[in-house]
Amino acid sequence: MILDAEPDLTVVAEAADGAEAVEAATTGQVDLAILDIAMPRMTGIQAAREISRRAPGIRILILSMYDNEQYFFESLKAGASGYVLKSVADRDLLEACRAAMRGEPFLYPGAVTSLIREYLRRDRLGERQPDSLLTQREEEIVKLIAEGNSAKEIAETLVISVKTVDRHRANILQKLGMRDRLELTRYAIRTGLVEP
């Protein structure tokens, strides 16, 4: 009801469990999946993992009654771009949906504290912080995109299929929270993958 009342949001499918959610998200015209963390047959985190694998372009929000760091981190690892607490869903859900569709993460205030605490813990223990969100192959693809190559040209250069290039590009956009080639090019310049 909250979502359908908004002019810019339309509910196109509903599912009774995680497996149904995966099926509905990957076979329909879905831009955003909102998954309850505690669903029958398959948890929200398992469903998020499967949706991310099958349809990396779909944005995912996890809805949870648990203000729990472990669930939060697992949700992010599974491909979610946001984590919304049910206790404040009436306030945060719409903002989270719109942020996800803009390609931005949505984190409730306690989650931001958790991220900072985890970063500082790793730093204190001398654990290496990840240098980049992207794998070496993904960085190669971003560089080639930024240099103006088409998917076909990238596929030929890297000796992979066009479909694989498209899958990598969708994964990269989701990881970086970006929408298009222009944003990827800006990222490539900012991180030194290409010269301006």
Protein backbone atom coordinates (compact mmCIF):
# COMPACT_ATOMS: atom_id res chain seq x y z
CA MET A 1 0.00 0.00 0.00
CA ILE A 2 2.83 2.42 0.86
CA LEU A 3 4.51 1.84 -2.51
CA ASP A 4 1.38 1.81 -4.68
CA ALA A 5 0.32 5.18 -3.25
CA GLU A 6 3.38 6.81 -4.85
CA PRO A 7 3.13 8.04 -8.48
CA ASP A 8 6.72 7.06 -9.32
CA LEU A 9 6.56 3.53 -7.86
CA THR A 10 4.50 0.57 -9.10
CA VAL A 11 4.29 -2.88 -7.54
CA VAL A 12 4.53 -5.31 -10.45
CA ALA A 13 4.78 -8.61 -8.53
CA GLU A 14 4.39 -10.09 -5.07
CA ALA A 15 5.80 -13.34 -3.73
CA ALA A 16 4.95 -15.55 -0.76
CA ASP A 17 8.48 -16.90 -0.29
CA GLY A 18 12.10 -16.47 -1.37
CA ALA A 19 11.96 -18.93 -4.27
CA GLU A 20 8.86 -17.22 -5.70
CA ALA A 21 10.59 -13.85 -5.28
CA VAL A 22 13.60 -15.04 -7.31
CA GLU A 23 11.31 -16.37 -10.04
CA ALA A 24 9.18 -13.21 -10.16
CA ALA A 25 12.22 -10.90 -10.16
CA THR A 26 14.12 -12.75 -12.86
CA THR A 27 11.25 -13.44 -15.26
CA GLY A 28 9.30 -10.18 -15.04
CA GLN A 29 9.95 -6.51 -15.72
CA VAL A 30 11.41 -5.77 -12.29
CA ASP A 31 13.77 -2.88 -11.53
CA LEU A 32 13.81 -3.26 -7.76
CA ALA A 33 13.22 -6.25 -5.46
CA ILE A 34 12.29 -5.67 -1.81
CA LEU A 35 13.02 -8.84 0.12
CA ASP A 36 12.11 -9.70 3.69
CA ILE A 37 15.13 -11.18 5.43
CA ALA A 38 12.98 -13.92 7.02
CA MET A 39 11.05 -15.58 4.18
CA PRO A 40 10.01 -19.22 3.93
CA ARG A 41 11.86 -21.70 1.64
CA MET A 42 14.69 -19.27 0.96
CA THR A 43 15.82 -16.35 3.13
CA GLY A 44 15.96 -12.81 1.79
CA ILE A 45 19.76 -13.01 1.74
CA GLN A 46 19.71 -16.27 -0.25
CA ALA A 47 17.14 -14.79 -2.64
CA ALA A 48 19.26 -11.62 -3.01
CA ARG A 49 22.30 -13.75 -3.89
CA GLU A 50 20.33 -15.66 -6.52
CA ILE A 51 18.71 -12.55 -8.02
CA SER A 52 22.12 -10.81 -8.20
CA ARG A 53 23.57 -13.86 -9.95
CA ARG A 54 20.72 -14.28 -12.45
CA ALA A 55 19.79 -10.63 -13.06
CA PRO A 56 22.60 -8.33 -11.87
CA GLY A 57 20.78 -5.21 -13.13
CA ILE A 58 17.97 -5.57 -10.56
CA ARG A 59 18.42 -3.40 -7.49
CA ILE A 60 17.70 -5.07 -4.14
CA LEU A 61 16.54 -3.81 -0.75
CA ILE A 62 16.43 -6.01 2.33
CA LEU A 63 13.61 -5.38 4.79
CA SER A 64 14.35 -6.65 8.28
CA MET A 65 13.17 -6.47 11.84
CA TYR A 66 16.76 -7.19 12.96
CA ASP A 67 19.09 -4.30 13.71
CA ASN A 68 21.94 -6.76 13.42
CA GLU A 69 25.42 -6.11 11.98
CA GLN A 70 25.85 -9.65 10.69
CA TYR A 71 22.57 -9.59 8.72
CA PHE A 72 23.44 -6.13 7.45
CA PHE A 73 26.90 -7.14 6.18
CA GLU A 74 25.58 -10.40 4.69
CA SER A 75 22.89 -8.42 2.86
CA LEU A 76 25.47 -6.12 1.31
CA LYS A 77 27.65 -9.10 0.32
CA ALA A 78 24.60 -10.73 -1.29
CA GLY A 79 24.12 -7.72 -3.56
CA ALA A 80 21.62 -5.56 -1.66
CA SER A 81 21.95 -1.82 -2.10
CA GLY A 82 19.97 -1.05 1.01
CA TYR A 83 18.87 -2.41 4.38
CA VAL A 84 15.62 -1.06 5.85
CA LEU A 85 14.39 -1.78 9.37
CA LYS A 86 10.71 -2.77 9.53
CA SER A 87 10.25 -0.68 12.66
CA VAL A 88 10.80 2.48 10.59
CA ALA A 89 9.75 1.17 7.15
CA ASP A 90 6.84 3.62 6.96
CA ARG A 91 9.41 6.41 7.17
CA ASP A 92 12.43 4.91 5.33
CA LEU A 93 11.07 2.55 2.68
CA LEU A 94 10.14 5.17 0.08
CA GLU A 95 13.45 6.98 0.50
CA ALA A 96 15.29 3.64 0.22
CA CYS A 97 13.43 2.71 -2.99
CA ARG A 98 14.21 6.03 -4.61
CA ALA A 99 17.87 5.91 -3.53
CA ALA A 100 18.22 2.38 -4.94
CA MET A 101 16.71 3.45 -8.26
CA ARG A 102 19.18 6.35 -8.44
CA GLY A 103 21.93 3.78 -7.94
CA GLU A 104 22.70 5.02 -4.42
CA PRO A 105 22.99 2.86 -1.29
CA PHE A 106 20.49 3.28 1.53
CA LEU A 107 21.73 2.64 5.05
CA TYR A 108 19.92 3.42 8.28
CA PRO A 109 22.01 5.46 10.77
CA GLY A 110 23.02 2.43 12.89
CA ALA A 111 24.30 0.67 9.77
CA VAL A 112 26.61 3.58 8.96
CA THR A 113 28.01 3.30 12.50
CA SER A 114 28.55 -0.44 11.94
CA LEU A 115 30.44 0.17 8.69
CA ILE A 116 32.72 2.72 10.33
CA ARG A 117 33.28 0.47 13.36
CA GLU A 118 34.17 -2.48 11.08
CA TYR A 119 36.56 -0.32 9.02
CA LEU A 120 38.32 0.92 12.17
CA ARG A 121 38.50 -2.61 13.63
CA ARG A 122 40.18 -3.94 10.48
CA ASP A 123 42.55 -0.99 10.44
CA ARG A 124 43.44 -1.46 14.13
CA LEU A 125 44.16 -5.17 13.59
CA GLY A 126 46.27 -4.37 10.57
CA GLU A 127 43.91 -6.22 8.22
CA ARG A 128 44.18 -5.04 4.65
CA GLN A 129 41.34 -2.84 3.50
CA PRO A 130 40.20 -3.78 -0.01
CA ASP A 131 42.09 -1.62 -2.52
CA SER A 132 39.25 -1.69 -4.97
CA LEU A 133 35.67 -2.87 -5.13
CA LEU A 134 36.40 -4.22 -8.60
CA THR A 135 38.26 -7.31 -9.69
CA GLN A 136 41.17 -6.96 -12.11
CA ARG A 137 38.96 -8.12 -15.01
CA GLU A 138 36.25 -5.59 -14.08
CA GLU A 139 38.85 -2.80 -14.01
CA GLU A 140 40.00 -3.87 -17.50
CA ILE A 141 36.41 -3.63 -18.73
CA VAL A 142 35.85 -0.20 -17.11
CA LYS A 143 39.03 1.05 -18.79
CA LEU A 144 37.92 -0.24 -22.19
CA ILE A 145 34.42 1.25 -21.75
CA ALA A 146 35.93 4.61 -20.75
CA GLU A 147 38.13 4.51 -23.84
CA GLY A 148 34.96 4.37 -25.95
CA ASN A 149 34.97 0.69 -26.96
CA SER A 150 31.69 -1.08 -27.74
CA ALA A 151 30.73 -4.34 -26.03
CA LYS A 152 31.67 -6.18 -29.24
CA GLU A 153 35.12 -4.53 -29.35
CA ILE A 154 35.70 -5.28 -25.66
CA ALA A 155 34.70 -8.91 -26.21
CA GLU A 156 37.17 -9.21 -29.11
CA THR A 157 39.98 -7.54 -27.15
CA LEU A 158 39.53 -9.74 -24.06
CA VAL A 159 38.57 -12.87 -26.03
CA ILE A 160 35.26 -13.30 -24.21
CA SER A 161 31.64 -13.24 -25.39
CA VAL A 162 29.58 -10.04 -25.70
CA LYS A 163 27.16 -11.58 -23.19
CA THR A 164 30.01 -11.91 -20.66
CA VAL A 165 30.98 -8.27 -21.25
CA ASP A 166 27.36 -7.22 -20.64
CA ARG A 167 27.20 -9.30 -17.45
CA HIS A 168 30.47 -7.76 -16.19
CA ARG A 169 29.20 -4.25 -17.03
CA ALA A 170 25.93 -4.85 -15.12
CA ASN A 171 27.90 -6.19 -12.11
CA ILE A 172 30.27 -3.20 -12.21
CA LEU A 173 27.40 -0.69 -12.37
CA GLN A 174 25.69 -2.40 -9.43
CA LYS A 175 28.89 -2.60 -7.34
CA LEU A 176 29.69 1.06 -7.93
CA GLY A 177 26.07 2.22 -7.67
CA MET A 178 26.22 3.79 -11.13
CA ARG A 179 23.79 3.92 -14.02
CA ASP A 180 25.64 4.43 -17.29
CA ARG A 181 28.80 4.66 -19.41
CA LEU A 182 29.30 8.35 -18.56
CA GLU A 183 29.46 7.67 -14.81
CA LEU A 184 31.83 4.73 -15.44
CA THR A 185 34.07 7.01 -17.52
CA ARG A 186 34.17 9.58 -14.71
CA TYR A 187 35.04 6.78 -12.27
CA ALA A 188 37.83 5.55 -14.58
CA ILE A 189 39.32 9.06 -14.72
CA ARG A 190 39.00 9.57 -10.95
CA THR A 191 40.71 6.26 -10.15
CA GLY A 192 43.45 6.70 -12.75
CA LEU A 193 42.37 3.88 -15.08
CA VAL A 194 42.38 6.34 -18.01
CA GLU A 195 43.83 9.79 -18.67
CA PRO A 196 41.32 12.68 -18.79
